[in-house]
Amino acid sequence: MWKDPIVEEVRRIRDECAAKFNNDLAAICRDLREKEKRSGRKVVSFPQKRIDKSSRVAEGRSDWETKE
């Protein structure tokens, strides 16, 4: 089976990072935020998109159903 070298590299780095922080996702996120601050790059955040649930109820659909 062929393996993509880029995917393999990303997975290796992910596994090293997870091992460094004992698979603690909160610790990994804290570290990434600190690296982000130290980078000096501009960080952009976008507001979450809102879903109008009332229109889904009016159409008789639940949130997980798609319109056909």
Protein backbone atom coordinates (compact mmCIF):
# COMPACT_ATOMS: atom_id res chain seq x y z
CA MET A 1 0.00 0.00 0.00
CA TRP A 2 1.31 3.44 -0.96
CA LYS A 3 1.87 5.92 1.86
CA ASP A 4 1.78 9.67 1.40
CA PRO A 5 5.00 11.10 2.91
CA ILE A 6 3.29 14.34 3.92
CA VAL A 7 0.52 12.52 5.77
CA GLU A 8 3.13 10.31 7.43
CA GLU A 9 5.09 13.37 8.57
CA VAL A 10 1.98 15.07 9.98
CA ARG A 11 1.03 11.91 11.88
CA ARG A 12 4.55 11.52 13.26
CA ILE A 13 4.60 15.12 14.50
CA ARG A 14 1.11 14.71 15.98
CA ASP A 15 2.18 11.58 17.85
CA GLU A 16 5.33 13.29 19.16
CA CYS A 17 3.32 16.28 20.37
CA ALA A 18 0.72 14.06 22.05
CA ALA A 19 3.45 12.04 23.78
CA LYS A 20 5.20 15.23 24.97
CA PHE A 21 2.02 16.31 26.77
CA ASN A 22 0.93 12.83 27.85
CA ASN A 23 -2.06 12.98 25.47
CA ASP A 24 -3.52 15.90 27.47
CA LEU A 25 -5.49 17.89 24.89
CA ALA A 26 -5.84 20.94 27.16
CA ALA A 27 -2.05 21.07 27.66
CA ILE A 28 -1.46 20.72 23.91
CA CYS A 29 -3.87 23.59 23.23
CA ARG A 30 -2.22 25.81 25.87
CA ASP A 31 1.18 25.16 24.31
CA LEU A 32 -0.11 25.95 20.82
CA ARG A 33 -1.69 29.20 22.03
CA GLU A 34 1.60 30.22 23.64
CA LYS A 35 3.50 29.45 20.42
CA GLU A 36 0.90 31.46 18.54
CA LYS A 37 1.48 34.50 20.81
CA ARG A 38 5.27 34.23 20.54
CA SER A 39 5.18 33.96 16.76
CA GLY A 40 4.32 37.64 16.37
CA ARG A 41 1.92 36.83 13.56
CA LYS A 42 -1.54 38.34 13.37
CA VAL A 43 -4.18 35.83 14.47
CA VAL A 44 -7.71 36.18 13.14
CA SER A 45 -10.80 34.68 14.76
CA PHE A 46 -14.19 34.57 13.16
CA PRO A 47 -17.50 34.49 15.06
CA GLN A 48 -19.39 31.23 15.06
CA LYS A 49 -22.08 30.91 12.43
CA ARG A 50 -25.58 30.92 13.84
CA ILE A 51 -28.17 28.46 12.58
CA ASP A 52 -31.77 29.58 12.58
CA LYS A 53 -33.37 26.53 14.17
CA SER A 54 -36.88 27.96 13.94
CA SER A 55 -36.83 27.61 10.15
CA ARG A 56 -35.85 23.96 10.50
CA VAL A 57 -38.72 23.33 12.90
CA ALA A 58 -41.14 25.13 10.59
CA GLU A 59 -39.99 22.89 7.74
CA GLY A 60 -40.50 19.82 9.89
CA ARG A 61 -36.80 18.90 9.84
CA SER A 62 -34.45 18.22 12.70
CA ASP A 63 -30.98 19.82 12.89
CA TRP A 64 -29.22 16.81 11.45
CA GLU A 65 -31.38 16.29 8.39
CA THR A 66 -30.38 17.86 5.10
CA LYS A 67 -32.74 19.56 2.72
CA GLU A 68 -33.18 17.70 -0.56
